[in-house]
């Protein structure tokens, strides 16, 4: 039960970060990582969800390794 709760929390944190990352199209690895989205009646270029998730998970792994290096 505790592990499931921790996984749910991690998922919510990653999902929130994905929303932030999607706005940063300069982080795209290729044009395939960019799509158009309609927000508030306007069209914007954003990262695709898979691209943003890939970046968010990579950030999480890097942050986790950094914290482990500090804590021991």
PDB file of N, CA and C in Angstrom:
ATOM      1  N   UNK A   1       0.821  -1.194   0.000  1.00  0.00           N
ATOM      2  CA  UNK A   1       0.000   0.000   0.000  1.00  0.00           C
ATOM      3  C   UNK A   1       0.862   1.255   0.000  1.00  0.00           C
ATOM      4  N   UNK A   2       1.906   1.287   0.844  1.00  0.00           N
ATOM      5  CA  UNK A   2       2.786   2.452   0.901  1.00  0.00           C
ATOM      6  C   UNK A   2       3.523   2.649  -0.415  1.00  0.00           C
ATOM      7  N   UNK A   3       3.975   1.553  -1.017  1.00  0.00           N
ATOM      8  CA  UNK A   3       4.695   1.650  -2.286  1.00  0.00           C
ATOM      9  C   UNK A   3       3.774   2.194  -3.369  1.00  0.00           C
ATOM     10  N   UNK A   4       2.541   1.734  -3.397  1.00  0.00           N
ATOM     11  CA  UNK A   4       1.579   2.223  -4.386  1.00  0.00           C
ATOM     12  C   UNK A   4       1.323   3.718  -4.197  1.00  0.00           C
ATOM     13  N   UNK A   5       1.208   4.149  -2.974  1.00  0.00           N
ATOM     14  CA  UNK A   5       0.998   5.569  -2.691  1.00  0.00           C
ATOM     15  C   UNK A   5       2.200   6.396  -3.147  1.00  0.00           C
ATOM     16  N   UNK A   6       3.400   5.913  -2.876  1.00  0.00           N
ATOM     17  CA  UNK A   6       4.608   6.617  -3.315  1.00  0.00           C
ATOM     18  C   UNK A   6       4.692   6.680  -4.837  1.00  0.00           C
ATOM     19  N   UNK A   7       4.315   5.598  -5.509  1.00  0.00           N
ATOM     20  CA  UNK A   7       4.301   5.599  -6.971  1.00  0.00           C
ATOM     21  C   UNK A   7       3.282   6.595  -7.502  1.00  0.00           C
ATOM     22  N   UNK A   8       2.129   6.688  -6.857  1.00  0.00           N
ATOM     23  CA  UNK A   8       1.109   7.658  -7.261  1.00  0.00           C
ATOM     24  C   UNK A   8       1.615   9.088  -7.093  1.00  0.00           C
ATOM     25  N   UNK A   9       2.301   9.343  -6.001  1.00  0.00           N
ATOM     26  CA  UNK A   9       2.856  10.682  -5.759  1.00  0.00           C
ATOM     27  C   UNK A   9       3.906  11.010  -6.814  1.00  0.00           C
ATOM     28  N   UNK A  10       4.776  10.054  -7.099  1.00  0.00           N
ATOM     29  CA  UNK A  10       5.804  10.272  -8.124  1.00  0.00           C
ATOM     30  C   UNK A  10       5.161  10.540  -9.479  1.00  0.00           C
ATOM     31  N   UNK A  11       4.122   9.799  -9.811  1.00  0.00           N
ATOM     32  CA  UNK A  11       3.417  10.000 -11.076  1.00  0.00           C
ATOM     33  C   UNK A  11       2.822  11.392 -11.161  1.00  0.00           C
ATOM     34  N   UNK A  12       2.210  11.849 -10.090  1.00  0.00           N
ATOM     35  CA  UNK A  12       1.629  13.199 -10.082  1.00  0.00           C
ATOM     36  C   UNK A  12       2.702  14.271 -10.231  1.00  0.00           C
ATOM     37  N   UNK A  13       3.833  14.091  -9.586  1.00  0.00           N
ATOM     38  CA  UNK A  13       4.924  15.055  -9.708  1.00  0.00           C
ATOM     39  C   UNK A  13       5.464  15.098 -11.136  1.00  0.00           C
ATOM     40  N   UNK A  14       5.653  13.930 -11.729  1.00  0.00           N
ATOM     41  CA  UNK A  14       6.144  13.877 -13.106  1.00  0.00           C
ATOM     42  C   UNK A  14       5.124  14.492 -14.052  1.00  0.00           C
ATOM     43  N   UNK A  15       3.869  14.177 -13.851  1.00  0.00           N
ATOM     44  CA  UNK A  15       2.814  14.717 -14.717  1.00  0.00           C
ATOM     45  C   UNK A  15       2.775  16.243 -14.638  1.00  0.00           C
ATOM     46  N   UNK A  16       2.938  16.792 -13.460  1.00  0.00           N
ATOM     47  CA  UNK A  16       2.969  18.241 -13.290  1.00  0.00           C
ATOM     48  C   UNK A  16       4.169  18.835 -14.026  1.00  0.00           C
ATOM     49  N   UNK A  17       5.317  18.179 -13.909  1.00  0.00           N
ATOM     50  CA  UNK A  17       6.523  18.665 -14.589  1.00  0.00           C
ATOM     51  C   UNK A  17       6.362  18.587 -16.102  1.00  0.00           C
ATOM     52  N   UNK A  18       5.688  17.556 -16.596  1.00  0.00           N
ATOM     53  CA  UNK A  18       5.440  17.416 -18.032  1.00  0.00           C
ATOM     54  C   UNK A  18       4.689  18.634 -18.557  1.00  0.00           C
ATOM     55  N   UNK A  19       3.709  19.095 -17.801  1.00  0.00           N
ATOM     56  CA  UNK A  19       2.958  20.282 -18.210  1.00  0.00           C
ATOM     57  C   UNK A  19       3.847  21.500 -18.359  1.00  0.00           C
ATOM     58  N   UNK A  20       4.823  21.636 -17.477  1.00  0.00           N
ATOM     59  CA  UNK A  20       5.763  22.758 -17.556  1.00  0.00           C
ATOM     60  C   UNK A  20       6.716  22.590 -18.736  1.00  0.00           C
ATOM     61  N   UNK A  21       7.211  21.386 -18.921  1.00  0.00           N
ATOM     62  CA  UNK A  21       8.192  21.109 -19.969  1.00  0.00           C
ATOM     63  C   UNK A  21       7.590  21.278 -21.358  1.00  0.00           C
ATOM     64  N   UNK A  22       6.338  20.928 -21.534  1.00  0.00           N
ATOM     65  CA  UNK A  22       5.710  20.985 -22.861  1.00  0.00           C
ATOM     66  C   UNK A  22       5.800  22.364 -23.491  1.00  0.00           C
ATOM     67  N   UNK A  23       5.900  23.400 -22.685  1.00  0.00           N
ATOM     68  CA  UNK A  23       5.960  24.766 -23.208  1.00  0.00           C
ATOM     69  C   UNK A  23       7.348  25.137 -23.726  1.00  0.00           C
ATOM     70  N   UNK A  24       8.340  24.333 -23.441  1.00  0.00           N
ATOM     71  CA  UNK A  24       9.733  24.624 -23.814  1.00  0.00           C
ATOM     72  C   UNK A  24      10.140  23.849 -25.059  1.00  0.00           C
ATOM     73  N   UNK A  25       9.695  24.326 -26.217  1.00  0.00           N
ATOM     74  CA  UNK A  25       9.958  23.575 -27.450  1.00  0.00           C
ATOM     75  C   UNK A  25      11.437  23.537 -27.817  1.00  0.00           C
ATOM     76  N   UNK A  26      12.247  24.415 -27.235  1.00  0.00           N
ATOM     77  CA  UNK A  26      13.683  24.382 -27.520  1.00  0.00           C
ATOM     78  C   UNK A  26      14.330  23.109 -26.977  1.00  0.00           C
ATOM     79  N   UNK A  27      13.626  22.366 -26.151  1.00  0.00           N
ATOM     80  CA  UNK A  27      14.154  21.110 -25.606  1.00  0.00           C
ATOM     81  C   UNK A  27      13.861  19.914 -26.504  1.00  0.00           C
ATOM     82  N   UNK A  28      13.213  20.163 -27.633  1.00  0.00           N
ATOM     83  CA  UNK A  28      12.888  19.085 -28.571  1.00  0.00           C
ATOM     84  C   UNK A  28      14.168  18.510 -29.169  1.00  0.00           C
ATOM     85  N   UNK A  29      14.195  17.195 -29.309  1.00  0.00           N
ATOM     86  CA  UNK A  29      15.334  16.542 -29.946  1.00  0.00           C
ATOM     87  C   UNK A  29      15.195  16.570 -31.458  1.00  0.00           C
ATOM     88  N   UNK A  30      13.960  16.647 -31.946  1.00  0.00           N
ATOM     89  CA  UNK A  30      13.697  16.715 -33.384  1.00  0.00           C
ATOM     90  C   UNK A  30      12.331  17.361 -33.600  1.00  0.00           C
ATOM     91  N   UNK A  31      12.017  17.645 -34.853  1.00  0.00           N
ATOM     92  CA  UNK A  31      10.717  18.234 -35.184  1.00  0.00           C
ATOM     93  C   UNK A  31       9.566  17.297 -34.801  1.00  0.00           C
ATOM     94  N   UNK A  32       9.848  15.994 -34.747  1.00  0.00           N
ATOM     95  CA  UNK A  32       8.812  15.021 -34.382  1.00  0.00           C
ATOM     96  C   UNK A  32       8.361  15.188 -32.936  1.00  0.00           C
ATOM     97  N   UNK A  33       9.163  15.864 -32.133  1.00  0.00           N
ATOM     98  CA  UNK A  33       8.826  16.096 -30.725  1.00  0.00           C
ATOM     99  C   UNK A  33       7.917  17.310 -30.531  1.00  0.00           C
ATOM    100  N   UNK A  34       7.593  18.011 -31.621  1.00  0.00           N
ATOM    101  CA  UNK A  34       6.793  19.238 -31.529  1.00  0.00           C
ATOM    102  C   UNK A  34       5.444  19.028 -32.207  1.00  0.00           C
ATOM    103  N   UNK A  35       4.401  19.550 -31.566  1.00  0.00           N
ATOM    104  CA  UNK A  35       3.059  19.503 -32.135  1.00  0.00           C
ATOM    105  C   UNK A  35       2.357  20.821 -31.844  1.00  0.00           C
ATOM    106  N   UNK A  36       1.232  21.027 -32.500  1.00  0.00           N
ATOM    107  CA  UNK A  36       0.431  22.215 -32.233  1.00  0.00           C
ATOM    108  C   UNK A  36      -0.673  21.861 -31.249  1.00  0.00           C
ATOM    109  N   UNK A  37      -0.903  22.768 -30.316  1.00  0.00           N
ATOM    110  CA  UNK A  37      -1.967  22.580 -29.324  1.00  0.00           C
ATOM    111  C   UNK A  37      -2.805  23.847 -29.296  1.00  0.00           C
ATOM    112  N   UNK A  38      -4.085  23.672 -29.063  1.00  0.00           N
ATOM    113  CA  UNK A  38      -5.003  24.804 -28.988  1.00  0.00           C
ATOM    114  C   UNK A  38      -5.285  25.107 -27.520  1.00  0.00           C
ATOM    115  N   UNK A  39      -4.861  26.294 -27.090  1.00  0.00           N
ATOM    116  CA  UNK A  39      -5.037  26.713 -25.707  1.00  0.00           C
ATOM    117  C   UNK A  39      -5.713  28.073 -25.686  1.00  0.00           C
ATOM    118  N   UNK A  40      -6.830  28.151 -25.001  1.00  0.00           N
ATOM    119  CA  UNK A  40      -7.560  29.418 -24.869  1.00  0.00           C
ATOM    120  C   UNK A  40      -7.849  30.062 -26.219  1.00  0.00           C
ATOM    121  N   UNK A  41      -8.207  29.249 -27.198  1.00  0.00           N
ATOM    122  CA  UNK A  41      -8.555  29.761 -28.514  1.00  0.00           C
ATOM    123  C   UNK A  41      -7.367  30.129 -29.390  1.00  0.00           C
ATOM    124  N   UNK A  42      -6.158  29.868 -28.930  1.00  0.00           N
ATOM    125  CA  UNK A  42      -4.954  30.172 -29.696  1.00  0.00           C
ATOM    126  C   UNK A  42      -4.185  28.887 -29.969  1.00  0.00           C
ATOM    127  N   UNK A  43      -3.471  28.877 -31.081  1.00  0.00           N
ATOM    128  CA  UNK A  43      -2.645  27.732 -31.432  1.00  0.00           C
ATOM    129  C   UNK A  43      -1.206  28.003 -31.008  1.00  0.00           C
ATOM    130  N   UNK A  44      -0.621  27.029 -30.308  1.00  0.00           N
ATOM    131  CA  UNK A  44       0.758  27.150 -29.819  1.00  0.00           C
ATOM    132  C   UNK A  44       1.526  25.893 -30.198  1.00  0.00           C
ATOM    133  N   UNK A  45       2.828  26.048 -30.402  1.00  0.00           N
ATOM    134  CA  UNK A  45       3.690  24.888 -30.587  1.00  0.00           C
ATOM    135  C   UNK A  45       4.152  24.437 -29.208  1.00  0.00           C
ATOM    136  N   UNK A  46       4.034  23.141 -28.956  1.00  0.00           N
ATOM    137  CA  UNK A  46       4.433  22.551 -27.679  1.00  0.00           C
ATOM    138  C   UNK A  46       5.141  21.227 -27.946  1.00  0.00           C
ATOM    139  N   UNK A  47       5.826  20.736 -26.939  1.00  0.00           N
ATOM    140  CA  UNK A  47       6.398  19.396 -27.039  1.00  0.00           C
ATOM    141  C   UNK A  47       5.277  18.365 -26.969  1.00  0.00           C
ATOM    142  N   UNK A  48       5.465  17.254 -27.643  1.00  0.00           N
ATOM    143  CA  UNK A  48       4.501  16.163 -27.522  1.00  0.00           C
ATOM    144  C   UNK A  48       4.573  15.612 -26.102  1.00  0.00           C
ATOM    145  N   UNK A  49       3.504  14.970 -25.667  1.00  0.00           N
ATOM    146  CA  UNK A  49       3.509  14.391 -24.318  1.00  0.00           C
ATOM    147  C   UNK A  49       4.618  13.347 -24.157  1.00  0.00           C
ATOM    148  N   UNK A  50       4.824  12.440 -25.140  1.00  0.00           N
ATOM    149  CA  UNK A  50       5.914  11.472 -24.963  1.00  0.00           C
ATOM    150  C   UNK A  50       7.287  12.138 -24.820  1.00  0.00           C
ATOM    151  N   UNK A  51       7.534  13.190 -25.590  1.00  0.00           N
ATOM    152  CA  UNK A  51       8.821  13.893 -25.491  1.00  0.00           C
ATOM    153  C   UNK A  51       8.961  14.549 -24.121  1.00  0.00           C
ATOM    154  N   UNK A  52       7.908  15.190 -23.660  1.00  0.00           N
ATOM    155  CA  UNK A  52       7.946  15.851 -22.353  1.00  0.00           C
ATOM    156  C   UNK A  52       8.112  14.827 -21.229  1.00  0.00           C
ATOM    157  N   UNK A  53       7.441  13.679 -21.335  1.00  0.00           N
ATOM    158  CA  UNK A  53       7.607  12.629 -20.324  1.00  0.00           C
ATOM    159  C   UNK A  53       9.038  12.108 -20.324  1.00  0.00           C
ATOM    160  N   UNK A  54       9.602  11.925 -21.503  1.00  0.00           N
ATOM    161  CA  UNK A  54      10.984  11.447 -21.604  1.00  0.00           C
ATOM    162  C   UNK A  54      11.934  12.406 -20.873  1.00  0.00           C
ATOM    163  N   UNK A  55      11.745  13.694 -21.078  1.00  0.00           N
ATOM    164  CA  UNK A  55      12.585  14.699 -20.424  1.00  0.00           C
ATOM    165  C   UNK A  55      12.347  14.705 -18.915  1.00  0.00           C
ATOM    166  N   UNK A  56      11.086  14.649 -18.509  1.00  0.00           N
ATOM    167  CA  UNK A  56      10.750  14.689 -17.080  1.00  0.00           C
ATOM    168  C   UNK A  56      11.340  13.491 -16.339  1.00  0.00           C
ATOM    169  N   UNK A  57      11.251  12.318 -16.928  1.00  0.00           N
ATOM    170  CA  UNK A  57      11.802  11.118 -16.285  1.00  0.00           C
ATOM    171  C   UNK A  57      13.325  11.216 -16.219  1.00  0.00           C
ATOM    172  N   UNK A  58      13.936  11.741 -17.269  1.00  0.00           N
ATOM    173  CA  UNK A  58      15.385  11.935 -17.266  1.00  0.00           C
ATOM    174  C   UNK A  58      15.798  12.908 -16.162  1.00  0.00           C
ATOM    175  N   UNK A  59      15.060  14.003 -16.015  1.00  0.00           N
ATOM    176  CA  UNK A  59      15.338  14.961 -14.941  1.00  0.00           C
ATOM    177  C   UNK A  59      15.208  14.302 -13.573  1.00  0.00           C
ATOM    178  N   UNK A  60      14.171  13.495 -13.406  1.00  0.00           N
ATOM    179  CA  UNK A  60      13.956  12.815 -12.131  1.00  0.00           C
ATOM    180  C   UNK A  60      15.144  11.918 -11.791  1.00  0.00           C
ATOM    181  N   UNK A  61      15.618  11.161 -12.772  1.00  0.00           N
ATOM    182  CA  UNK A  61      16.757  10.269 -12.540  1.00  0.00           C
ATOM    183  C   UNK A  61      18.013  11.059 -12.183  1.00  0.00           C
ATOM    184  N   UNK A  62      18.244  12.169 -12.884  1.00  0.00           N
ATOM    185  CA  UNK A  62      19.418  13.000 -12.596  1.00  0.00           C
ATOM    186  C   UNK A  62      19.324  13.601 -11.197  1.00  0.00           C
ATOM    187  N   UNK A  63      18.152  14.098 -10.852  1.00  0.00           N
ATOM    188  CA  UNK A  63      17.959  14.690  -9.525  1.00  0.00           C
ATOM    189  C   UNK A  63      18.132  13.651  -8.423  1.00  0.00           C
ATOM    190  N   UNK A  64      17.615  12.460  -8.673  1.00  0.00           N
ATOM    191  CA  UNK A  64      17.731  11.382  -7.696  1.00  0.00           C
ATOM    192  C   UNK A  64      19.201  11.019  -7.467  1.00  0.00           C
ATOM    193  N   UNK A  65      19.966  10.931  -8.550  1.00  0.00           N
ATOM    194  CA  UNK A  65      21.392  10.621  -8.434  1.00  0.00           C
ATOM    195  C   UNK A  65      22.134  11.734  -7.699  1.00  0.00           C
ATOM    196  N   UNK A  66      21.776  12.981  -7.986  1.00  0.00           N
ATOM    197  CA  UNK A  66      22.424  14.109  -7.317  1.00  0.00           C
ATOM    198  C   UNK A  66      22.141  14.090  -5.819  1.00  0.00           C
ATOM    199  N   UNK A  67      20.889  13.856  -5.451  1.00  0.00           N
ATOM    200  CA  UNK A  67      20.521  13.809  -4.031  1.00  0.00           C
ATOM    201  C   UNK A  67      21.246  12.670  -3.330  1.00  0.00           C
ATOM    202  N   UNK A  68      21.329  11.520  -3.983  1.00  0.00           N
ATOM    203  CA  UNK A  68      22.056  10.388  -3.390  1.00  0.00           C
ATOM    204  C   UNK A  68      23.525  10.722  -3.174  1.00  0.00           C
ATOM    205  N   UNK A  69      24.110  11.480  -4.101  1.00  0.00           N
ATOM    206  CA  UNK A  69      25.524  11.847  -3.947  1.00  0.00           C
ATOM    207  C   UNK A  69      25.728  12.788  -2.762  1.00  0.00           C
ATOM    208  N   UNK A  70      24.731  13.594  -2.463  1.00  0.00           N
ATOM    209  CA  UNK A  70      24.826  14.511  -1.330  1.00  0.00           C
ATOM    210  C   UNK A  70      24.601  13.808  -0.001  1.00  0.00           C
ATOM    211  N   UNK A  71      23.636  12.887  -0.001  1.00  0.00           N
ATOM    212  CA  UNK A  71      23.238  12.213   1.233  1.00  0.00           C
ATOM    213  C   UNK A  71      24.176  11.052   1.555  1.00  0.00           C
ATOM    214  N   UNK A  72      24.629  10.386   0.516  1.00  0.00           N
ATOM    215  CA  UNK A  72      25.556   9.278   0.742  1.00  0.00           C
ATOM    216  C   UNK A  72      24.953   8.017   0.492  1.00  0.00           C
TER     217      UNK A  72
END
